[in-house]
Amino acid sequence: MSSRDELVEKYALELREKCGETPDRDLLGRVVAGLGPAVYNADASVVAASDPDEVENIKKHFLVKKLGLTDGPDLDAALSKVFDQYGRSNRHKYRAVVYYLLTRHFGREAAYP
């Protein structure tokens, strides 16, 4: 099993256990691949949901640029919903899991062909 496959398994477990989601492994694998080397970096692989700059970067670079959404209050609401679903007290929110949940929330699976 490759390192990426091991990460997909780890993130699928997070989705099941912490988010109550049955993951679409194909989509999850594409999200992980889309993150490139960031998934192997301990700092870059997690999201600091309490850091306003981090949240703004997710909005600007992922939701607007990658998913093609328009900035507005619905993006903030979606981020809040995903952070609540993942568990606000959970200090290790994996970027791949957050991006997967946001992609599914907005129905933008086509952004990962």
N, C-alpha and C. Protein backbone atom coordinates (compact mmCIF):
# COMPACT_ATOMS: atom_id res chain seq x y z
N MET A 1 0.85 -1.17 0.00
CA MET A 1 0.00 0.00 0.00
C MET A 1 0.90 1.24 0.00
N SER A 2 0.59 2.19 -0.87
CA SER A 2 1.39 3.40 -0.96
C SER A 2 1.09 4.34 0.20
N SER A 3 1.97 5.31 0.38
CA SER A 3 1.77 6.30 1.45
C SER A 3 0.46 7.05 1.26
N ARG A 4 0.15 7.38 0.00
CA ARG A 4 -1.10 8.10 -0.26
C ARG A 4 -2.30 7.22 0.08
N ASP A 5 -2.25 5.94 -0.27
CA ASP A 5 -3.34 5.03 0.07
C ASP A 5 -3.52 4.92 1.58
N GLU A 6 -2.42 4.92 2.30
CA GLU A 6 -2.50 4.87 3.77
C GLU A 6 -3.17 6.13 4.31
N LEU A 7 -2.84 7.27 3.73
CA LEU A 7 -3.47 8.53 4.16
C LEU A 7 -4.96 8.53 3.84
N VAL A 8 -5.34 8.03 2.67
CA VAL A 8 -6.76 7.95 2.31
C VAL A 8 -7.49 7.10 3.34
N GLU A 9 -6.89 5.98 3.74
CA GLU A 9 -7.50 5.12 4.76
C GLU A 9 -7.65 5.87 6.08
N LYS A 10 -6.60 6.59 6.48
CA LYS A 10 -6.65 7.35 7.73
C LYS A 10 -7.75 8.41 7.68
N TYR A 11 -7.84 9.12 6.56
CA TYR A 11 -8.85 10.17 6.43
C TYR A 11 -10.26 9.58 6.35
N ALA A 12 -10.40 8.43 5.72
CA ALA A 12 -11.71 7.76 5.65
C ALA A 12 -12.17 7.38 7.05
N LEU A 13 -11.23 6.93 7.88
CA LEU A 13 -11.55 6.59 9.26
C LEU A 13 -11.99 7.84 10.03
N GLU A 14 -11.29 8.95 9.81
CA GLU A 14 -11.69 10.22 10.44
C GLU A 14 -13.11 10.61 10.04
N LEU A 15 -13.40 10.48 8.76
CA LEU A 15 -14.74 10.84 8.27
C LEU A 15 -15.82 9.97 8.92
N ARG A 16 -15.54 8.69 9.06
CA ARG A 16 -16.53 7.79 9.67
C ARG A 16 -16.68 8.05 11.16
N GLU A 17 -15.55 8.10 11.87
CA GLU A 17 -15.59 8.16 13.33
C GLU A 17 -15.88 9.56 13.89
N LYS A 18 -15.33 10.57 13.29
CA LYS A 18 -15.46 11.91 13.86
C LYS A 18 -16.52 12.76 13.18
N CYS A 19 -16.83 12.44 11.93
CA CYS A 19 -17.79 13.27 11.18
C CYS A 19 -19.10 12.55 10.89
N GLY A 20 -19.15 11.25 11.15
CA GLY A 20 -20.37 10.48 10.89
C GLY A 20 -20.69 10.35 9.41
N GLU A 21 -19.68 10.39 8.56
CA GLU A 21 -19.85 10.31 7.10
C GLU A 21 -19.34 8.98 6.58
N THR A 22 -20.02 8.46 5.59
CA THR A 22 -19.50 7.32 4.85
C THR A 22 -18.77 7.91 3.64
N PRO A 23 -17.44 7.81 3.62
CA PRO A 23 -16.69 8.51 2.58
C PRO A 23 -16.79 7.86 1.21
N ASP A 24 -16.77 8.71 0.21
CA ASP A 24 -16.61 8.29 -1.18
C ASP A 24 -15.10 8.22 -1.38
N ARG A 25 -14.54 7.02 -1.32
CA ARG A 25 -13.09 6.85 -1.35
C ARG A 25 -12.46 7.39 -2.64
N ASP A 26 -13.18 7.29 -3.73
CA ASP A 26 -12.65 7.79 -4.99
C ASP A 26 -12.46 9.30 -4.91
N LEU A 27 -13.49 10.00 -4.46
CA LEU A 27 -13.39 11.46 -4.30
C LEU A 27 -12.33 11.81 -3.26
N LEU A 28 -12.32 11.11 -2.15
CA LEU A 28 -11.34 11.38 -1.11
C LEU A 28 -9.92 11.20 -1.66
N GLY A 29 -9.71 10.18 -2.44
CA GLY A 29 -8.40 9.97 -3.06
C GLY A 29 -8.02 11.11 -3.99
N ARG A 30 -8.99 11.63 -4.72
CA ARG A 30 -8.70 12.76 -5.62
C ARG A 30 -8.41 14.04 -4.84
N VAL A 31 -9.10 14.23 -3.71
CA VAL A 31 -8.84 15.40 -2.86
C VAL A 31 -7.42 15.29 -2.29
N VAL A 32 -7.06 14.11 -1.81
CA VAL A 32 -5.71 13.91 -1.26
C VAL A 32 -4.66 14.16 -2.35
N ALA A 33 -4.88 13.63 -3.53
CA ALA A 33 -3.94 13.84 -4.63
C ALA A 33 -3.85 15.32 -4.99
N GLY A 34 -4.96 16.03 -4.94
CA GLY A 34 -4.99 17.45 -5.26
C GLY A 34 -4.21 18.30 -4.27
N LEU A 35 -4.06 17.82 -3.06
CA LEU A 35 -3.30 18.56 -2.06
C LEU A 35 -1.80 18.40 -2.25
N GLY A 36 -1.41 17.43 -3.04
CA GLY A 36 0.01 17.24 -3.34
C GLY A 36 0.83 16.95 -2.09
N PRO A 37 2.03 17.50 -2.05
CA PRO A 37 2.93 17.19 -0.93
C PRO A 37 2.47 17.74 0.42
N ALA A 38 1.49 18.63 0.43
CA ALA A 38 1.02 19.19 1.70
C ALA A 38 0.50 18.12 2.65
N VAL A 39 -0.03 17.02 2.12
CA VAL A 39 -0.57 15.97 3.00
C VAL A 39 0.52 15.25 3.77
N TYR A 40 1.77 15.37 3.33
CA TYR A 40 2.89 14.71 4.00
C TYR A 40 3.61 15.62 4.98
N ASN A 41 3.22 16.88 5.02
CA ASN A 41 3.82 17.85 5.92
C ASN A 41 2.94 17.98 7.16
N ALA A 42 3.52 17.75 8.32
CA ALA A 42 2.74 17.73 9.57
C ALA A 42 1.96 19.03 9.78
N ASP A 43 2.57 20.17 9.48
CA ASP A 43 1.89 21.44 9.71
C ASP A 43 0.85 21.73 8.62
N ALA A 44 1.21 21.52 7.38
CA ALA A 44 0.32 21.85 6.26
C ALA A 44 -0.85 20.88 6.14
N SER A 45 -0.73 19.70 6.72
CA SER A 45 -1.78 18.69 6.56
C SER A 45 -2.97 18.91 7.49
N VAL A 46 -2.84 19.85 8.42
CA VAL A 46 -3.93 20.12 9.36
C VAL A 46 -4.41 21.56 9.20
N VAL A 47 -5.63 21.80 9.64
CA VAL A 47 -6.27 23.12 9.56
C VAL A 47 -6.42 23.67 10.97
N ALA A 48 -6.02 24.91 11.15
CA ALA A 48 -6.22 25.61 12.42
C ALA A 48 -7.54 26.39 12.31
N ALA A 49 -8.62 25.74 12.68
CA ALA A 49 -9.95 26.33 12.51
C ALA A 49 -10.17 27.57 13.36
N SER A 50 -9.39 27.73 14.41
CA SER A 50 -9.54 28.91 15.28
C SER A 50 -8.71 30.10 14.80
N ASP A 51 -7.91 29.91 13.76
CA ASP A 51 -7.07 30.98 13.23
C ASP A 51 -7.80 31.67 12.08
N PRO A 52 -8.19 32.94 12.27
CA PRO A 52 -8.94 33.65 11.22
C PRO A 52 -8.19 33.72 9.88
N ASP A 53 -6.86 33.84 9.93
CA ASP A 53 -6.08 33.88 8.69
C ASP A 53 -6.17 32.55 7.94
N GLU A 54 -6.12 31.46 8.68
CA GLU A 54 -6.23 30.13 8.07
C GLU A 54 -7.60 29.95 7.41
N VAL A 55 -8.64 30.35 8.12
CA VAL A 55 -10.00 30.23 7.59
C VAL A 55 -10.15 31.09 6.34
N GLU A 56 -9.60 32.29 6.36
CA GLU A 56 -9.65 33.17 5.19
C GLU A 56 -8.90 32.56 4.00
N ASN A 57 -7.77 31.93 4.27
CA ASN A 57 -7.02 31.26 3.20
C ASN A 57 -7.81 30.11 2.58
N ILE A 58 -8.52 29.37 3.41
CA ILE A 58 -9.35 28.27 2.89
C ILE A 58 -10.43 28.85 1.99
N LYS A 59 -11.06 29.93 2.44
CA LYS A 59 -12.10 30.57 1.62
C LYS A 59 -11.52 31.04 0.29
N LYS A 60 -10.45 31.79 0.37
CA LYS A 60 -9.89 32.43 -0.82
C LYS A 60 -9.27 31.42 -1.79
N HIS A 61 -8.45 30.52 -1.28
CA HIS A 61 -7.68 29.64 -2.15
C HIS A 61 -8.37 28.33 -2.49
N PHE A 62 -9.24 27.87 -1.61
CA PHE A 62 -9.92 26.61 -1.91
C PHE A 62 -11.34 26.83 -2.41
N LEU A 63 -12.15 27.48 -1.60
CA LEU A 63 -13.56 27.62 -1.97
C LEU A 63 -13.76 28.50 -3.20
N VAL A 64 -13.07 29.62 -3.26
CA VAL A 64 -13.25 30.54 -4.38
C VAL A 64 -12.41 30.10 -5.58
N LYS A 65 -11.12 29.87 -5.36
CA LYS A 65 -10.24 29.56 -6.48
C LYS A 65 -10.42 28.14 -7.01
N LYS A 66 -10.40 27.14 -6.14
CA LYS A 66 -10.48 25.75 -6.59
C LYS A 66 -11.91 25.34 -6.94
N LEU A 67 -12.84 25.64 -6.05
CA LEU A 67 -14.22 25.20 -6.29
C LEU A 67 -15.03 26.19 -7.13
N GLY A 68 -14.52 27.39 -7.34
CA GLY A 68 -15.19 28.36 -8.19
C GLY A 68 -16.41 29.01 -7.57
N LEU A 69 -16.44 29.12 -6.26
CA LEU A 69 -17.57 29.72 -5.57
C LEU A 69 -17.37 31.22 -5.42
N THR A 70 -18.47 31.93 -5.17
CA THR A 70 -18.42 33.37 -4.94
C THR A 70 -18.37 33.62 -3.45
N ASP A 71 -17.44 34.49 -3.03
CA ASP A 71 -17.30 34.80 -1.61
C ASP A 71 -18.59 35.43 -1.10
N GLY A 72 -18.98 35.00 0.07
CA GLY A 72 -20.19 35.52 0.70
C GLY A 72 -20.45 34.81 2.01
N PRO A 73 -21.53 35.16 2.67
CA PRO A 73 -21.83 34.57 3.98
C PRO A 73 -22.07 33.06 3.93
N ASP A 74 -22.48 32.54 2.76
CA ASP A 74 -22.71 31.10 2.68
C ASP A 74 -21.41 30.31 2.82
N LEU A 75 -20.28 30.91 2.44
CA LEU A 75 -19.00 30.24 2.61
C LEU A 75 -18.63 30.16 4.09
N ASP A 76 -18.86 31.24 4.81
CA ASP A 76 -18.60 31.25 6.26
C ASP A 76 -19.50 30.23 6.96
N ALA A 77 -20.75 30.17 6.56
CA ALA A 77 -21.69 29.23 7.17
C ALA A 77 -21.26 27.79 6.91
N ALA A 78 -20.80 27.52 5.70
CA ALA A 78 -20.35 26.16 5.36
C ALA A 78 -19.11 25.79 6.16
N LEU A 79 -18.17 26.71 6.28
CA LEU A 79 -16.98 26.43 7.08
C LEU A 79 -17.35 26.16 8.52
N SER A 80 -18.24 26.96 9.06
CA SER A 80 -18.68 26.76 10.44
C SER A 80 -19.35 25.39 10.60
N LYS A 81 -20.18 25.03 9.65
CA LYS A 81 -20.86 23.74 9.70
C LYS A 81 -19.86 22.59 9.66
N VAL A 82 -18.88 22.68 8.78
CA VAL A 82 -17.87 21.62 8.66
C VAL A 82 -17.04 21.53 9.93
N PHE A 83 -16.64 22.66 10.50
CA PHE A 83 -15.85 22.64 11.73
C PHE A 83 -16.66 22.06 12.88
N ASP A 84 -17.96 22.38 12.94
CA ASP A 84 -18.82 21.81 13.96
C ASP A 84 -18.95 20.30 13.77
N GLN A 85 -19.14 19.88 12.52
CA GLN A 85 -19.29 18.45 12.22
C GLN A 85 -18.02 17.68 12.59
N TYR A 86 -16.88 18.25 12.31
CA TYR A 86 -15.60 17.60 12.59
C TYR A 86 -15.28 17.64 14.09
N GLY A 87 -15.86 18.62 14.78
CA GLY A 87 -15.65 18.77 16.21
C GLY A 87 -14.74 19.94 16.49
N ARG A 88 -15.31 21.01 17.00
CA ARG A 88 -14.51 22.21 17.26
C ARG A 88 -13.38 21.94 18.25
N SER A 89 -13.60 21.02 19.19
CA SER A 89 -12.57 20.73 20.18
C SER A 89 -11.47 19.83 19.63
N ASN A 90 -11.71 19.24 18.48
CA ASN A 90 -10.70 18.39 17.84
C ASN A 90 -9.58 19.29 17.31
N ARG A 91 -8.40 19.19 17.88
CA ARG A 91 -7.30 20.08 17.52
C ARG A 91 -6.61 19.67 16.21
N HIS A 92 -6.84 18.45 15.76
CA HIS A 92 -6.18 17.97 14.54
C HIS A 92 -7.22 17.71 13.45
N LYS A 93 -7.62 18.79 12.82
CA LYS A 93 -8.56 18.67 11.70
C LYS A 93 -7.72 18.55 10.43
N TYR A 94 -7.78 17.39 9.82
CA TYR A 94 -6.97 17.18 8.62
C TYR A 94 -7.54 17.98 7.45
N ARG A 95 -6.64 18.65 6.74
CA ARG A 95 -7.01 19.49 5.60
C ARG A 95 -7.78 18.69 4.56
N ALA A 96 -7.35 17.47 4.27
CA ALA A 96 -8.03 16.66 3.27
C ALA A 96 -9.47 16.37 3.67
N VAL A 97 -9.70 16.13 4.95
CA VAL A 97 -11.05 15.85 5.44
C VAL A 97 -11.92 17.11 5.33
N VAL A 98 -11.37 18.24 5.74
CA VAL A 98 -12.12 19.50 5.66
C VAL A 98 -12.45 19.82 4.20
N TYR A 99 -11.48 19.69 3.32
CA TYR A 99 -11.72 19.98 1.90
C TYR A 99 -12.73 19.00 1.31
N TYR A 100 -12.65 17.74 1.68
CA TYR A 100 -13.62 16.74 1.22
C TYR A 100 -15.03 17.14 1.65
N LEU A 101 -15.19 17.48 2.92
CA LEU A 101 -16.52 17.85 3.44
C LEU A 101 -17.06 19.10 2.75
N LEU A 102 -16.20 20.07 2.51
CA LEU A 102 -16.63 21.29 1.81
C LEU A 102 -17.00 20.99 0.36
N THR A 103 -16.22 20.15 -0.28
CA THR A 103 -16.52 19.77 -1.67
C THR A 103 -17.89 19.11 -1.75
N ARG A 104 -18.16 18.19 -0.84
CA ARG A 104 -19.46 17.51 -0.82
C ARG A 104 -20.58 18.48 -0.47
N HIS A 105 -20.33 19.35 0.50
CA HIS A 105 -21.35 20.31 0.93
C HIS A 105 -21.85 21.15 -0.25
N PHE A 106 -20.92 21.61 -1.07
CA PHE A 106 -21.28 22.47 -2.19
C PHE A 106 -21.56 21.69 -3.47
N GLY A 107 -21.45 20.37 -3.43
CA GLY A 107 -21.72 19.57 -4.62
C GLY A 107 -20.75 19.87 -5.76
N ARG A 108 -19.51 20.13 -5.42
CA ARG A 108 -18.50 20.51 -6.41
C ARG A 108 -17.51 19.37 -6.67
N GLU A 109 -17.98 18.16 -6.67
CA GLU A 109 -17.12 17.00 -6.92
C GLU A 109 -16.44 17.09 -8.28
N ALA A 110 -17.06 17.78 -9.24
CA ALA A 110 -16.49 17.92 -10.58
C ALA A 110 -15.19 18.71 -10.57
N ALA A 111 -14.88 19.40 -9.48
CA ALA A 111 -13.61 20.14 -9.39
C ALA A 111 -12.43 19.17 -9.26
N TYR A 112 -12.75 17.91 -9.00
CA TYR A 112 -11.73 16.86 -8.88
C TYR A 112 -12.00 15.78 -9.92
N PRO A 113 -11.64 16.04 -11.17
CA PRO A 113 -11.92 15.05 -12.24
C PRO A 113 -11.08 13.79 -12.11
